[in-house]
Protein backbone atom coordinates (compact mmCIF):
# COMPACT_ATOMS: atom_id res chain seq x y z
CA GLU A 1 37.76 -4.87 65.36
CA PRO A 2 38.59 -7.59 67.24
CA ALA A 3 39.45 -11.44 66.37
CA GLN A 4 36.42 -13.22 65.85
CA ILE A 5 35.38 -16.60 65.62
CA ALA A 6 32.73 -18.05 63.87
CA LEU A 7 29.67 -19.57 65.85
CA SER A 8 29.56 -22.37 63.01
CA SER A 9 33.09 -23.08 64.23
CA ILE A 10 33.12 -23.46 67.72
CA PRO A 11 32.08 -26.78 67.46
CA SER A 12 34.91 -27.75 65.51
CA ALA A 13 37.47 -25.61 67.92
CA LEU A 14 36.11 -27.78 70.80
CA GLN A 15 36.57 -30.54 68.68
CA LEU A 16 40.40 -29.83 68.77
CA LEU A 17 40.97 -28.94 72.59
CA ASP A 18 39.05 -32.84 73.47
CA LEU A 19 35.88 -30.84 74.34
CA PRO A 20 32.50 -32.55 73.93
CA PRO A 21 31.71 -30.70 70.39
CA ASP A 22 27.80 -30.67 70.74
CA ASP A 23 27.13 -29.97 74.13
CA GLU A 24 24.13 -28.26 74.01
CA GLU A 25 25.10 -26.29 77.23
CA VAL A 26 28.43 -25.00 75.82
CA LEU A 27 27.23 -24.14 72.72
CA THR A 28 24.26 -22.71 74.29
CA ILE A 29 26.70 -20.35 76.42
CA PHE A 30 28.87 -19.27 72.99
CA ARG A 31 25.62 -18.26 71.27
CA ASN A 32 24.35 -16.36 74.07
CA ALA A 33 27.95 -14.20 73.53
CA ALA A 34 27.70 -13.89 70.37
CA LEU A 35 24.21 -12.59 70.44
CA GLY A 36 25.03 -10.20 73.14
CA TRP A 37 28.24 -8.67 71.73
CA ALA A 38 27.04 -8.31 67.83
CA ASN A 39 23.31 -6.38 69.73
CA HIS A 40 20.98 -9.38 67.10
CA ASP A 41 17.79 -10.45 68.20
CA GLY A 42 18.00 -14.36 68.25
CA ALA A 43 16.75 -14.76 64.73
CA SER A 44 19.53 -14.43 62.69
CA PRO A 45 21.38 -17.86 61.37
CA ASN A 46 24.34 -19.32 63.39
CA ASP A 47 26.74 -18.17 60.17
CA MET A 48 25.91 -14.42 60.81
CA LEU A 49 27.32 -14.65 64.44
CA ALA A 50 30.90 -14.71 65.65
CA VAL A 51 32.38 -15.06 69.28
CA THR A 52 35.26 -12.08 69.99
CA GLN A 53 38.60 -13.68 71.02
CA ASN A 54 38.20 -12.79 74.50
CA ASP A 55 34.81 -14.31 74.91
CA TRP A 56 36.04 -17.30 73.44
CA ARG A 57 38.47 -17.34 75.99
CA ALA A 58 36.76 -16.46 78.97
CA VAL A 59 34.28 -19.14 78.24
CA CYS A 60 37.18 -21.91 77.50
CA THR A 61 38.49 -21.31 80.87
CA ILE A 62 35.72 -22.19 82.50
CA LEU A 63 35.25 -25.57 80.84
CA LEU A 64 38.35 -26.44 80.35
CA ASP A 65 39.27 -26.42 84.55
CA PRO A 66 36.23 -29.14 85.09
CA ALA A 67 37.02 -30.86 81.79
CA GLY A 68 40.46 -31.06 83.15
CA GLU A 69 39.97 -32.86 86.62
CA ALA A 70 37.05 -34.63 84.57
CA GLY A 71 39.59 -36.18 82.31
CA SER A 72 42.77 -36.94 84.75
CA ASN A 73 39.74 -39.78 86.93
CA SER A 74 38.22 -40.89 83.75
CA PRO A 75 38.49 -45.00 83.48
CA ARG A 76 41.98 -45.36 80.04
CA THR A 77 40.50 -47.52 77.29
CA GLU A 78 41.87 -51.35 78.76
CA SER A 79 42.08 -54.63 76.20
CA PRO A 80 39.43 -56.29 76.41
CA ALA A 81 40.81 -59.23 78.18
CA GLY A 82 41.76 -57.47 81.42
CA ASP A 83 44.78 -57.72 83.70
CA SER A 84 44.61 -61.14 83.58
CA GLU A 85 46.34 -60.79 80.56
CA TYR A 86 49.30 -58.92 81.18
CA GLN A 87 49.20 -61.37 84.17
CA ASP A 88 49.95 -64.08 81.83
CA ASP A 89 52.35 -62.09 79.17
CA ASP A 90 54.94 -61.78 82.53
CA VAL A 91 54.23 -65.37 83.77
CA GLN A 92 55.22 -66.63 79.67
CA MET A 93 58.29 -63.95 79.53
CA GLN A 94 59.57 -65.46 82.64
CA SER A 95 59.09 -68.71 81.90
CA ASP A 96 60.53 -67.91 78.11
CA ASP A 97 63.73 -66.49 80.45
CA GLU A 98 64.18 -69.98 82.39
CA ALA A 99 64.17 -72.25 79.49
CA ASP A 100 67.05 -69.55 78.48
CA SER A 101 69.19 -70.65 81.72
CA ASP A 102 68.64 -74.14 80.97
CA TYR A 103 70.08 -74.49 77.55
CA GLU A 104 72.81 -77.58 76.56
CA PRO A 105 75.49 -77.25 74.53
CA GLY A 106 74.96 -79.67 71.80
CA ALA A 107 70.91 -78.82 72.92
CA LEU A 108 68.62 -76.66 70.38
CA PRO A 109 66.96 -74.89 73.17
CA THR A 110 62.92 -74.69 72.87
CA LYS A 111 60.85 -71.53 73.14
CA SER A 112 57.35 -70.47 73.39
CA PRO A 113 56.53 -67.71 71.35
CA ARG A 114 56.04 -64.97 73.26
CA ARG A 115 52.77 -63.18 73.78
CA VAL A 116 52.02 -59.69 71.96
CA SER A 117 52.75 -57.31 75.59
CA GLY A 118 49.85 -55.92 77.26
CA LYS A 119 50.68 -52.18 75.50
CA ARG A 120 50.17 -53.27 72.09
CA HIS A 121 47.04 -54.20 73.23
CA THR A 122 45.83 -51.04 74.95
CA ARG A 123 47.33 -49.67 71.73
CA ALA A 124 45.66 -50.90 69.91
CA SER A 125 42.83 -50.60 71.06
CA ARG A 126 42.61 -46.70 70.62
CA LEU A 127 42.88 -47.06 66.71
CA PRO A 128 39.02 -47.48 64.69
CA SER A 129 38.31 -51.30 63.65
CA ASP A 130 38.59 -50.44 60.36
CA GLU A 131 42.65 -49.23 60.77
CA LEU A 132 42.90 -52.43 62.88
CA SER A 133 41.50 -54.76 59.89
CA GLY A 134 43.60 -52.78 56.88
CA GLU A 135 40.38 -51.55 55.08
CA ASP A 136 39.28 -47.77 54.23
CA SER A 137 35.71 -46.91 55.92
CA ASP A 138 33.55 -43.54 54.30
CA GLU A 139 35.07 -42.03 56.38
CA TYR A 140 38.34 -41.74 55.96
CA GLU A 141 37.59 -42.18 52.10
CA TYR A 142 38.50 -38.07 50.79
CA GLY A 143 42.65 -37.59 51.11
CA SER A 144 43.12 -41.09 52.17
CA PRO A 145 47.22 -41.68 52.61
CA LYS A 146 46.68 -45.23 51.50
CA GLY A 147 45.21 -43.33 47.91
CA SER A 148 41.11 -44.88 47.97
CA SER A 149 40.36 -45.77 44.66
CA LYS A 150 37.15 -43.32 44.89
CA PRO A 151 37.78 -40.02 46.45
CA ARG A 152 35.19 -37.90 47.71
CA ALA A 153 34.95 -34.42 47.19
CA LEU A 154 34.22 -32.29 49.89
CA THR A 155 31.27 -29.16 49.07
CA ALA A 156 31.80 -25.59 49.23
CA ARG A 157 30.11 -25.20 52.58
CA GLN A 158 32.47 -27.50 54.13
CA LYS A 159 35.86 -27.03 52.93
CA ALA A 160 34.91 -23.21 54.44
CA THR A 161 34.21 -24.54 57.56
CA CYS A 162 37.44 -26.42 57.52
CA ARG A 163 39.09 -23.40 56.38
CA GLU A 164 37.77 -21.64 59.16
CA ALA A 165 38.72 -24.11 61.87
CA PHE A 166 42.66 -24.24 60.25
CA ALA A 167 43.21 -20.63 60.04
CA MET A 168 42.68 -20.51 64.25
CA PHE A 169 46.31 -22.28 64.00
CA PHE A 170 47.82 -19.88 61.87
CA PRO A 171 45.94 -16.02 63.28
CA ASP A 172 48.95 -14.01 60.70
CA ALA A 173 47.47 -15.95 57.46
CA ILE A 174 43.90 -15.66 57.56
CA ASP A 175 43.53 -13.14 55.16
CA SER A 176 45.93 -14.67 53.08
CA LYS A 177 44.30 -17.94 51.26
CA GLU A 178 47.82 -18.40 49.53
CA ASN A 179 49.95 -18.81 52.06
CA LEU A 180 47.34 -20.38 54.62
CA ASP A 181 47.02 -23.15 51.80
CA ASN A 182 50.64 -24.14 52.38
CA ARG A 183 51.07 -24.30 55.88
CA ARG A 184 50.90 -27.20 57.88
CA ILE A 185 50.30 -27.76 61.63
CA MET A 186 52.61 -28.84 63.62
CA LEU A 187 53.31 -30.49 66.95
CA THR A 188 53.98 -27.11 67.83
CA ASP A 189 51.78 -25.27 66.31
CA ILE A 190 49.17 -27.98 68.68
CA GLN A 191 50.89 -26.52 71.95
CA GLY A 192 50.67 -23.05 71.56
CA VAL A 193 47.14 -23.46 70.83
CA ALA A 194 46.49 -25.67 73.97
CA LYS A 195 48.92 -23.11 75.82
CA LEU A 196 46.76 -19.84 74.92
CA LEU A 197 44.00 -21.62 75.87
CA GLY A 198 44.80 -23.25 79.64
CA GLU A 199 44.67 -26.69 77.96
CA LYS A 200 47.08 -29.35 79.23
CA LEU A 201 47.35 -32.30 76.50
CA LYS A 202 49.36 -34.90 76.50
CA ALA A 203 51.96 -34.56 73.53
CA GLU A 204 51.65 -38.88 73.41
CA GLU A 205 47.98 -37.53 72.26
CA MET A 206 48.88 -34.97 70.17
CA LEU A 207 51.21 -37.09 68.33
CA GLU A 208 48.42 -39.89 67.86
CA MET A 209 45.72 -37.27 66.09
CA LEU A 210 48.47 -36.21 64.25
CA GLU A 211 49.52 -40.03 63.36
CA VAL A 212 46.10 -40.62 62.08
CA PHE A 213 45.78 -38.11 59.58
CA SER A 214 48.92 -36.27 58.49
CA THR A 215 50.16 -37.50 55.02
CA SER A 216 53.64 -36.16 55.84
CA PRO A 217 56.48 -38.22 56.84
CA ASP A 218 57.08 -35.39 59.46
CA LYS A 219 54.01 -35.57 60.70
CA SER A 220 52.81 -32.62 60.15
CA MET A 221 48.66 -32.16 58.94
CA GLY A 222 47.93 -30.23 56.29
CA LEU A 223 45.09 -28.00 55.04
CA GLN A 224 43.48 -31.53 52.86
CA ASP A 225 44.84 -33.58 56.19
CA PHE A 226 43.07 -30.85 58.51
CA GLU A 227 39.74 -31.68 55.66
CA ARG A 228 40.26 -35.05 55.94
CA MET A 229 40.37 -35.35 60.10
CA MET A 230 37.37 -32.73 59.96
CA VAL A 231 35.04 -34.62 57.71
CA ALA A 232 35.87 -38.31 59.55
CA ALA A 233 35.10 -36.36 62.51
CA LYS A 234 31.43 -35.47 61.58
CA LEU A 235 32.50 -31.54 62.10
CA ALA A 236 31.96 -30.81 58.38
């Protein structure tokens, strides 16, 4: 029997590929593929339907090409202050350098503190507001690496959804519960899935995702980290 992906896990898989997980047109395509191969009459619930691996690849090949073009044209997140702030940084840094060249023996140089570079502003703008303020939101409460005082347990349905999506990274561990629990998603695993589906993801984007949710020094993501990511993204 060919490998299959549960229809209920499709939104999670799309989210991992940076595709919209709630696009009705996309979900309808996958549902039609599941109904066509499974010979259902359309009345069965989604959790009883599955999409074959061949159908998954075929549909994603069609979706990823326009998505990649649109993504390349989308504006990048900018600092709220705009380009003028970066220009101010350059002027300020140039003034500091000129002040250094005017140093004379016996005189203490006075330097104005340099402002934070625009690159740091751009990086900070990508982070959730709760992370910038140093406070955990409810979405990050479960399994938080900061040790939330009110851990929230996942329901059986949420755990099952997260496990199905996590198992997609390790096809050889799907039938082994113990083996899957000990697996960790590395950067190479994300790159492998992206390459398999023909998706071009930047290493910076993949590293940022791992850094936000990983609790391991090597930035790998275990099953609990993955569950926390799914809850934060409202996919479970």
